[in-house]
Every structure is written in C-alpha cells, then in structure tokens.
Protein backbone atom coordinates (compact mmCIF):
# COMPACT_ATOMS: atom_id res chain seq x y z
CA MET A 1 135.30 60.44 270.03
CA ASN A 2 138.45 61.55 268.56
CA GLU A 3 137.85 65.13 269.94
CA ARG A 4 137.40 63.68 273.28
CA MET A 5 140.93 61.91 272.96
CA ASN A 6 142.70 64.73 271.47
CA LYS A 7 141.44 67.12 274.67
CA LEU A 8 141.91 64.37 277.21
CA GLY A 9 145.50 63.70 275.50
CA ALA A 10 146.43 67.25 275.38
CA ILE A 11 145.72 67.69 279.17
CA ILE A 12 147.85 64.53 280.36
CA LEU A 13 150.61 65.77 278.23
CA ARG A 14 150.57 69.17 279.98
CA VAL A 15 150.35 67.67 283.31
CA PHE A 16 153.00 65.00 282.69
CA ASN A 17 155.16 68.13 281.23
CA MET A 18 154.45 70.15 284.65
CA ALA A 19 155.37 67.10 286.64
CA VAL A 20 158.72 66.91 284.78
CA GLN A 21 159.74 70.51 285.11
CA ASN A 22 158.60 70.43 289.00
CA GLU A 23 161.23 67.44 289.44
CA LYS A 24 164.17 69.88 288.27
CA LYS A 25 163.30 72.53 290.88
CA PRO A 26 164.71 72.60 294.29
CA ARG A 27 162.64 74.27 296.92
CA ASN A 28 162.95 75.39 300.47
CA PHE A 29 161.94 72.91 303.35
CA GLY A 30 162.79 74.83 306.22
CA ILE A 31 166.33 73.70 306.41
CA SER A 32 169.62 75.42 305.05
CA GLU A 33 169.66 74.01 301.59
CA LEU A 34 167.15 73.46 299.00
CA LEU A 35 165.94 70.01 298.20
CA TYR A 36 165.05 68.55 294.91
CA PRO A 37 161.84 66.68 294.63
CA SER A 38 163.55 63.32 294.34
CA GLU A 39 165.53 64.14 297.70
CA ILE A 40 162.39 65.39 299.66
CA HIS A 41 160.18 62.46 298.56
CA MET A 42 163.03 60.08 299.69
CA VAL A 43 163.04 61.91 303.22
CA MET A 44 159.09 61.43 303.08
CA LEU A 45 159.48 57.64 302.34
CA VAL A 46 161.79 56.98 305.13
CA GLY A 47 159.81 58.81 307.58
CA ASP A 48 156.96 57.09 306.73
CA ASN A 49 158.50 53.65 306.56
CA PRO A 50 160.77 53.40 309.94
CA GLY A 51 162.92 50.40 309.76
CA ALA A 52 162.50 49.92 306.00
CA HIS A 53 165.83 48.74 304.34
CA LEU A 54 166.65 50.05 300.60
CA SER A 55 164.71 47.13 299.00
CA GLU A 56 161.64 47.78 300.88
CA LEU A 57 161.80 51.63 299.99
CA ALA A 58 162.76 50.79 296.31
CA ARG A 59 159.56 48.54 296.34
CA ARG A 60 157.15 51.14 297.85
CA ALA A 61 158.64 54.02 295.58
CA GLY A 62 158.34 51.75 292.45
CA ILE A 63 162.28 52.82 291.58
CA THR A 64 165.29 50.84 291.65
CA ARG A 65 167.36 49.89 294.85
CA GLY A 66 170.27 51.60 293.20
CA ALA A 67 168.24 54.87 292.71
CA VAL A 68 167.32 54.69 296.51
CA SER A 69 170.67 54.16 297.33
CA GLN A 70 172.18 56.98 295.40
CA VAL A 71 169.41 59.59 296.95
CA VAL A 72 170.04 58.00 300.25
CA ASN A 73 173.78 58.96 299.90
CA LYS A 74 173.25 62.36 298.77
CA LEU A 75 170.76 63.04 301.80
CA GLU A 76 173.44 61.38 304.20
CA LYS A 77 175.93 63.92 302.90
CA LYS A 78 173.47 66.88 303.54
CA ASN A 79 172.74 65.31 307.36
CA LEU A 80 169.17 64.44 306.59
CA ILE A 81 169.52 60.84 306.85
CA CYS A 82 171.87 58.51 309.01
CA LYS A 83 172.47 54.63 308.09
CA ASP A 84 171.63 52.36 310.86
CA TYR A 85 173.20 48.85 310.61
CA GLY A 86 172.38 47.82 313.94
CA PRO A 87 171.84 44.16 314.88
CA LYS A 88 168.18 44.79 314.91
CA ASN A 89 168.29 45.17 311.44
CA ASN A 90 170.13 41.92 310.41
CA LEU A 91 173.00 43.59 309.32
CA ARG A 92 171.17 45.27 306.54
CA MET A 93 171.48 49.29 306.25
CA VAL A 94 168.11 51.06 307.32
CA PRO A 95 168.11 54.80 306.60
CA VAL A 96 166.80 56.92 309.57
CA LEU A 97 165.81 60.65 309.49
CA THR A 98 168.06 63.17 311.41
CA GLU A 99 166.74 65.84 313.41
CA LYS A 100 167.11 67.90 310.38
CA GLY A 101 165.67 65.33 308.11
CA LYS A 102 162.48 65.45 310.47
CA ALA A 103 162.45 69.13 310.26
CA ALA A 104 162.14 68.87 306.47
CA TYR A 105 159.76 65.99 306.68
CA LEU A 106 157.40 68.30 308.81
CA ALA A 107 157.90 71.29 306.19
CA HIS A 108 157.10 69.37 303.29
CA GLU A 109 153.79 68.12 305.16
CA LYS A 110 152.95 71.50 305.68
CA TYR A 111 153.86 72.54 302.37
CA HIS A 112 151.24 69.79 300.93
CA GLU A 113 148.68 70.45 303.06
CA GLU A 114 148.63 74.33 301.70
CA ILE A 115 149.26 73.67 298.30
CA ASN A 116 146.47 70.77 298.13
CA ILE A 117 143.79 72.30 299.89
CA ASP A 118 141.55 73.15 296.90
CA ILE A 119 142.22 69.80 295.53
CA TYR A 120 141.59 67.83 298.83
CA ALA A 121 138.24 69.83 299.20
CA TYR A 122 137.13 68.93 295.53
CA VAL A 123 137.74 65.43 296.23
CA ARG A 124 135.96 65.49 299.64
CA GLU A 125 132.85 66.84 297.70
CA MET A 126 132.82 63.73 295.03
CA SER A 127 130.53 61.00 295.04
CA GLU A 128 131.77 57.54 295.75
CA ASP A 129 130.83 56.74 292.14
CA ASP A 130 132.95 59.81 290.75
CA PHE A 131 135.89 58.94 292.81
CA GLY A 132 135.89 55.29 291.56
CA VAL A 133 135.90 56.47 288.08
CA VAL A 134 138.72 59.15 288.50
CA TYR A 135 140.89 56.48 290.44
CA ALA A 136 140.20 53.89 287.96
CA PHE A 137 141.29 56.12 285.32
CA LEU A 138 144.54 57.07 286.94
CA ARG A 139 145.29 53.57 287.75
CA LYS A 140 145.04 52.70 283.98
CA ILE A 141 147.40 55.61 283.22
CA GLU A 142 149.82 53.93 285.97
CA LYS A 143 149.75 50.88 284.61
CA MET A 144 150.34 52.27 280.96
CA GLY A 145 153.55 54.06 282.55
CA GLU A 146 154.54 50.56 284.16
CA LYS A 147 154.52 49.01 280.94
CA LEU A 148 156.94 51.71 279.46
CA LYS A 149 159.78 51.13 281.73
C-alpha cells in the first residue's frame, strides 16, 4: 500500500505543481493583450453567469468577493468587462462582458476544445463505474483542499 500511496502522491504533486506554474503564465486569447489564467477564468465566469453579482461569482468560483472584485477591476481597465449598476440589478454591480471580453471568451472556449480533445475522448470511453470512481476521487481531493483554506 505504501508504494501505491507514494506513486499516487507523486503524480498528484506533479499535477498541482503544473497547475501552479500554469497560473503564472499569461496567454493570448485573440485580443491585444495577454491574459493570466485568473483573468480569463473570470471572463469565462462572467460570460457563463450573466446577471450574477460579485458575491454570486465568488460563491461559484470558490474564492472571496474581494478576489473577484480585484480581477473584475483589472478586466475593466483592459476593457474586457464593464460594470452595470442598472435598476434591474437592485443597485448591485453586475459585471458584463464587452465585445472584447466576448472575443476572449470565445477564443478561450476554442483553446480548451483543442487542448482537451484527448481527455474528452478518454472520458467518453470510460464506463460509468470508472467515471464514478475518478469523479469521487477528485471530489475527495477537492474537499481536502477546502479544509486547507
């Protein structure tokens, strides 16, 4: 069992380290400036949740409202998001994608279609039981991470 745990621990650590390194690299998503993962993920979050205010976006992303606010402000300066304070929002600020933000959103979707093609094919071929095991394992890791917050 010890060897299995060591092998599993080593690969989990490598995946986490890759994710950390990826968070440091800005990428081109079809607009004039490079965007960091935190920025493009906020673009995606806003685009996928039209009408959601900052607290709702924070809840969905599992981050603080302050973190959402910081990234939204950066994206507003880059003209990817504008802030809507209209009466339909009960005077709560709702971030909305600009045309430039929509272009980045679509480019990011295409980027993921291209880089995830192999993993999507692999998951499609999995049995429901195998998928359930992988999903449950990843949820356990997620819950462990939540305890460390």
